[in-house]
C-alpha atoms as a PDB file:
ATOM      1  CA  MET A   1       0.000   0.000   0.000  1.00  0.00           C
ATOM      2  CA  PHE A   2       2.875   2.365   0.835  1.00  0.00           C
ATOM      3  CA  SER A   3       6.059   2.739  -1.153  1.00  0.00           C
ATOM      4  CA  LYS A   4       9.286   1.238   0.135  1.00  0.00           C
ATOM      5  CA  ALA A   5      10.532   4.814   0.652  1.00  0.00           C
ATOM      6  CA  CYS A   6       7.558   5.538   2.903  1.00  0.00           C
ATOM      7  CA  GLU A   7       8.131   2.377   4.926  1.00  0.00           C
ATOM      8  CA  TYR A   8      11.794   3.327   5.353  1.00  0.00           C
ATOM      9  CA  ALA A   9      10.785   6.863   6.347  1.00  0.00           C
ATOM     10  CA  ILE A  10       8.478   5.608   9.093  1.00  0.00           C
ATOM     11  CA  ARG A  11      11.054   3.126  10.406  1.00  0.00           C
ATOM     12  CA  ALA A  12      13.847   5.707  10.229  1.00  0.00           C
ATOM     13  CA  THR A  13      11.751   8.272  12.081  1.00  0.00           C
ATOM     14  CA  LEU A  14      11.036   5.776  14.849  1.00  0.00           C
ATOM     15  CA  ARG A  15      14.731   4.930  15.097  1.00  0.00           C
ATOM     16  CA  ILE A  16      15.713   8.599  15.247  1.00  0.00           C
ATOM     17  CA  ALA A  17      13.139   9.200  17.992  1.00  0.00           C
ATOM     18  CA  GLU A  18      14.589   6.259  19.916  1.00  0.00           C
ATOM     19  CA  LEU A  19      18.169   7.511  19.540  1.00  0.00           C
ATOM     20  CA  THR A  20      17.239  11.078  20.444  1.00  0.00           C
ATOM     21  CA  ALA A  21      15.479   9.839  23.593  1.00  0.00           C
ATOM     22  CA  ALA A  22      18.656   7.934  24.537  1.00  0.00           C
ATOM     23  CA  ASP A  23      20.710  11.098  23.888  1.00  0.00           C
ATOM     24  CA  GLU A  24      22.577   9.316  21.089  1.00  0.00           C
ATOM     25  CA  ARG A  25      23.518  10.606  17.662  1.00  0.00           C
ATOM     26  CA  ALA A  26      21.392   9.482  14.727  1.00  0.00           C
ATOM     27  CA  THR A  27      23.570   9.340  11.612  1.00  0.00           C
ATOM     28  CA  VAL A  28      22.455   8.304   8.151  1.00  0.00           C
ATOM     29  CA  LYS A  29      24.801   5.341   8.257  1.00  0.00           C
ATOM     30  CA  GLY A  30      23.581   4.148  11.651  1.00  0.00           C
ATOM     31  CA  VAL A  31      19.905   4.650  10.880  1.00  0.00           C
ATOM     32  CA  ALA A  32      20.202   2.912   7.504  1.00  0.00           C
ATOM     33  CA  ALA A  33      21.935  -0.075   9.082  1.00  0.00           C
ATOM     34  CA  SER A  34      19.366  -0.356  11.872  1.00  0.00           C
ATOM     35  CA  ILE A  35      16.370  -0.310   9.530  1.00  0.00           C
ATOM     36  CA  GLY A  36      17.903  -2.503   6.838  1.00  0.00           C
ATOM     37  CA  ALA A  37      17.839   0.167   4.130  1.00  0.00           C
ATOM     38  CA  PRO A  38      20.446   1.336   1.629  1.00  0.00           C
ATOM     39  CA  GLU A  39      22.394   4.302   2.986  1.00  0.00           C
ATOM     40  CA  ALA A  40      21.922   6.578  -0.057  1.00  0.00           C
ATOM     41  CA  PHE A  41      18.201   5.857  -0.145  1.00  0.00           C
ATOM     42  CA  THR A  42      17.905   6.543   3.580  1.00  0.00           C
ATOM     43  CA  ALA A  43      19.766   9.842   3.155  1.00  0.00           C
ATOM     44  CA  LYS A  44      17.328  10.935   0.448  1.00  0.00           C
ATOM     45  CA  VAL A  45      14.290  10.036   2.565  1.00  0.00           C
ATOM     46  CA  LEU A  46      15.686  11.787   5.643  1.00  0.00           C
ATOM     47  CA  GLN A  47      16.508  14.908   3.628  1.00  0.00           C
ATOM     48  CA  GLN A  48      12.885  15.082   2.506  1.00  0.00           C
ATOM     49  CA  LEU A  49      11.661  14.759   6.096  1.00  0.00           C
ATOM     50  CA  VAL A  50      14.038  17.537   7.177  1.00  0.00           C
ATOM     51  CA  ARG A  51      12.903  19.775   4.278  1.00  0.00           C
ATOM     52  CA  ASP A  52       9.295  19.261   5.332  1.00  0.00           C
ATOM     53  CA  GLY A  53      10.147  20.185   8.922  1.00  0.00           C
ATOM     54  CA  HIS A  54       9.516  16.770  10.451  1.00  0.00           C
ATOM     55  CA  LEU A  55      13.077  16.091  11.615  1.00  0.00           C
ATOM     56  CA  GLY A  56      15.859  18.311  12.854  1.00  0.00           C
ATOM     57  CA  SER A  57      19.385  17.968  11.527  1.00  0.00           C
ATOM     58  CA  MET A  58      22.813  19.214  12.466  1.00  0.00           C
ATOM     59  CA  LYS A  59      25.791  19.255  10.130  1.00  0.00           C
ATOM     60  CA  GLY A  60      29.382  18.549  10.972  1.00  0.00           C
ATOM     61  CA  PRO A  61      31.341  15.910  12.873  1.00  0.00           C
ATOM     62  CA  GLY A  62      28.908  15.863  15.800  1.00  0.00           C
ATOM     63  CA  GLY A  63      25.876  16.169  13.566  1.00  0.00           C
ATOM     64  CA  GLY A  64      23.003  13.913  12.796  1.00  0.00           C
ATOM     65  CA  PHE A  65      19.227  13.829  12.931  1.00  0.00           C
ATOM     66  CA  VAL A  66      16.986  14.521  15.918  1.00  0.00           C
ATOM     67  CA  LEU A  67      13.354  14.053  16.791  1.00  0.00           C
ATOM     68  CA  THR A  68      12.506  15.401  20.209  1.00  0.00           C
ATOM     69  CA  GLU A  69       9.706  13.938  22.274  1.00  0.00           C
ATOM     70  CA  ALA A  70       7.650  17.115  21.835  1.00  0.00           C
ATOM     71  CA  ARG A  71       8.009  16.958  18.055  1.00  0.00           C
ATOM     72  CA  ALA A  72       7.349  13.177  18.049  1.00  0.00           C
ATOM     73  CA  LYS A  73       4.060  13.832  19.854  1.00  0.00           C
ATOM     74  CA  ARG A  74       3.016  16.293  17.121  1.00  0.00           C
ATOM     75  CA  LEU A  75       4.356  14.329  14.149  1.00  0.00           C
ATOM     76  CA  LYS A  76       1.607  12.122  12.759  1.00  0.00           C
ATOM     77  CA  LEU A  77       2.080   9.073  10.554  1.00  0.00           C
ATOM     78  CA  ALA A  78       0.007  10.931   7.951  1.00  0.00           C
ATOM     79  CA  ASP A  79       2.643  13.699   7.854  1.00  0.00           C
ATOM     80  CA  ILE A  80       5.341  11.207   6.908  1.00  0.00           C
ATOM     81  CA  VAL A  81       3.138   9.493   4.327  1.00  0.00           C
ATOM     82  CA  LYS A  82       2.312  12.857   2.747  1.00  0.00           C
ATOM     83  CA  SER A  83       5.981  13.885   2.631  1.00  0.00           C
ATOM     84  CA  ILE A  84       7.100  10.706   0.914  1.00  0.00           C
ATOM     85  CA  ASP A  85       4.092   9.294  -0.998  1.00  0.00           C
ATOM     86  CA  GLY A  86       1.707  12.233  -1.204  1.00  0.00           C
ATOM     87  CA  ASP A  87      -1.969  11.624  -0.581  1.00  0.00           C
ATOM     88  CA  ALA A  88      -2.548   9.122  -3.396  1.00  0.00           C
ATOM     89  CA  VAL A  89      -2.959   6.244  -0.931  1.00  0.00           C
ATOM     90  CA  TYR A  90      -6.086   8.012   0.313  1.00  0.00           C
ATOM     91  CA  THR A  91      -7.469   8.863  -3.120  1.00  0.00           C
ATOM     92  CA  ARG A  92      -6.528   6.351  -5.794  1.00  0.00           C
ATOM     93  CA  CYS A  93      -8.519   3.386  -7.010  1.00  0.00           C
ATOM     94  CA  ALA A  94      -7.859   0.055  -5.304  1.00  0.00           C
ATOM     95  CA  LEU A  95      -7.716  -1.610  -8.718  1.00  0.00           C
ATOM     96  CA  GLY A  96      -5.454   1.055 -10.208  1.00  0.00           C
ATOM     97  CA  LEU A  97      -8.089   2.264 -12.656  1.00  0.00           C
ATOM     98  CA  LEU A  98      -7.459   5.813 -13.833  1.00  0.00           C
ATOM     99  CA  ARG A  99     -11.092   6.797 -14.266  1.00  0.00           C
ATOM    100  CA  CYS A 100     -12.489   5.528 -10.983  1.00  0.00           C
ATOM    101  CA  SER A 101     -14.294   8.208  -8.970  1.00  0.00           C
ATOM    102  CA  ASP A 102     -17.457   8.775  -6.980  1.00  0.00           C
ATOM    103  CA  LYS A 103     -19.238   9.558 -10.263  1.00  0.00           C
ATOM    104  CA  ARG A 104     -17.728   6.677 -12.232  1.00  0.00           C
ATOM    105  CA  ALA A 105     -16.970   4.002  -9.650  1.00  0.00           C
ATOM    106  CA  CYS A 106     -15.248   0.660 -10.069  1.00  0.00           C
ATOM    107  CA  PRO A 107     -16.998  -2.403  -8.562  1.00  0.00           C
ATOM    108  CA  ILE A 108     -15.235  -2.053  -5.187  1.00  0.00           C
ATOM    109  CA  HIS A 109     -15.005   1.750  -5.036  1.00  0.00           C
ATOM    110  CA  ASP A 110     -17.438   2.322  -2.180  1.00  0.00           C
ATOM    111  CA  GLN A 111     -15.996  -0.407   0.039  1.00  0.00           C
ATOM    112  CA  PHE A 112     -12.416   0.674  -0.598  1.00  0.00           C
ATOM    113  CA  LYS A 113     -13.291   4.314  -0.023  1.00  0.00           C
ATOM    114  CA  GLU A 114     -14.382   3.339   3.499  1.00  0.00           C
ATOM    115  CA  VAL A 115     -11.054   1.561   4.059  1.00  0.00           C
ATOM    116  CA  ARG A 116      -9.097   4.567   2.752  1.00  0.00           C
ATOM    117  CA  ASP A 117     -11.057   6.929   4.987  1.00  0.00           C
ATOM    118  CA  ARG A 118     -10.421   4.758   8.060  1.00  0.00           C
ATOM    119  CA  LEU A 119      -6.731   4.518   7.172  1.00  0.00           C
ATOM    120  CA  ARG A 120      -6.496   8.301   6.813  1.00  0.00           C
ATOM    121  CA  GLY A 121      -8.198   8.766  10.183  1.00  0.00           C
ATOM    122  CA  LEU A 122      -5.883   6.253  11.819  1.00  0.00           C
ATOM    123  CA  PHE A 123      -2.730   7.851  10.392  1.00  0.00           C
ATOM    124  CA  GLU A 124      -3.892  11.404  11.106  1.00  0.00           C
ATOM    125  CA  GLY A 125      -4.670  10.430  14.700  1.00  0.00           C
ATOM    126  CA  THR A 126      -1.494   8.460  15.432  1.00  0.00           C
ATOM    127  CA  SER A 127       1.769  10.166  16.296  1.00  0.00           C
ATOM    128  CA  ILE A 128       5.284   8.797  16.076  1.00  0.00           C
ATOM    129  CA  PHE A 129       5.347   9.024  19.865  1.00  0.00           C
ATOM    130  CA  ASP A 130       2.193   6.853  20.064  1.00  0.00           C
ATOM    131  CA  VAL A 131       3.788   4.222  17.833  1.00  0.00           C
ATOM    132  CA  SER A 132       7.078   4.236  19.721  1.00  0.00           C
ATOM    133  CA  MET A 133       5.291   3.883  23.051  1.00  0.00           C
ATOM    134  CA  GLY A 134       3.193   1.052  21.647  1.00  0.00           C
ATOM    135  CA  LEU A 135       6.351  -0.774  20.626  1.00  0.00           C
ATOM    136  CA  GLY A 136       7.802  -0.443  24.124  1.00  0.00           C
ATOM    137  CA  LEU A 137      11.358   0.167  25.182  1.00  0.00           C
ATOM    138  CA  GLU A 138      12.884  -2.032  22.499  1.00  0.00           C
ATOM    139  CA  VAL A 139      11.703   0.035  19.536  1.00  0.00           C
ATOM    140  CA  GLY A 140      14.772  -0.875  17.483  1.00  0.00           C
ATOM    141  CA  ALA A 141      14.015  -4.596  17.717  1.00  0.00           C
ATOM    142  CA  PHE A 142      10.914  -4.098  15.598  1.00  0.00           C
ATOM    143  CA  LEU A 143      12.477  -2.031  12.828  1.00  0.00           C
ATOM    144  CA  LEU A 144      14.329  -4.657  10.835  1.00  0.00           C
ATOM    145  CA  LYS A 145      12.349  -7.103   8.776  1.00  0.00           C
ATOM    146  CA  GLY A 146      12.407 -10.477  10.508  1.00  0.00           C
END
């Protein structure tokens, strides 16, 4: 449903929140390794999140990425999805049809529209802090694909 870039962005954001909370530096290399993503791809995703104001960054030898608890409480999953994938996940046809709409609906349009609306509500109502708390103290253990 979400692009690989979006999945990496969510996992990277959780990892950065975890590292920030532990007062540790979150580097591209370290984050990429911990989420099982290519370093260059992770850098691109993180740059987009910084540009959109979701993450803080510091340059130089002691630099890295930060996500404070206060910002993590405000940052919603929907914000990350919008930064990386746009809002197409909430608007496009489940079957990939280009002309599917409320006026010209595909056979599953109405049912899928309900799913999309619930997904949007869930992501708009769930913060990175909520997710990290739900994962418990060992957030990093859940980031790599098993």
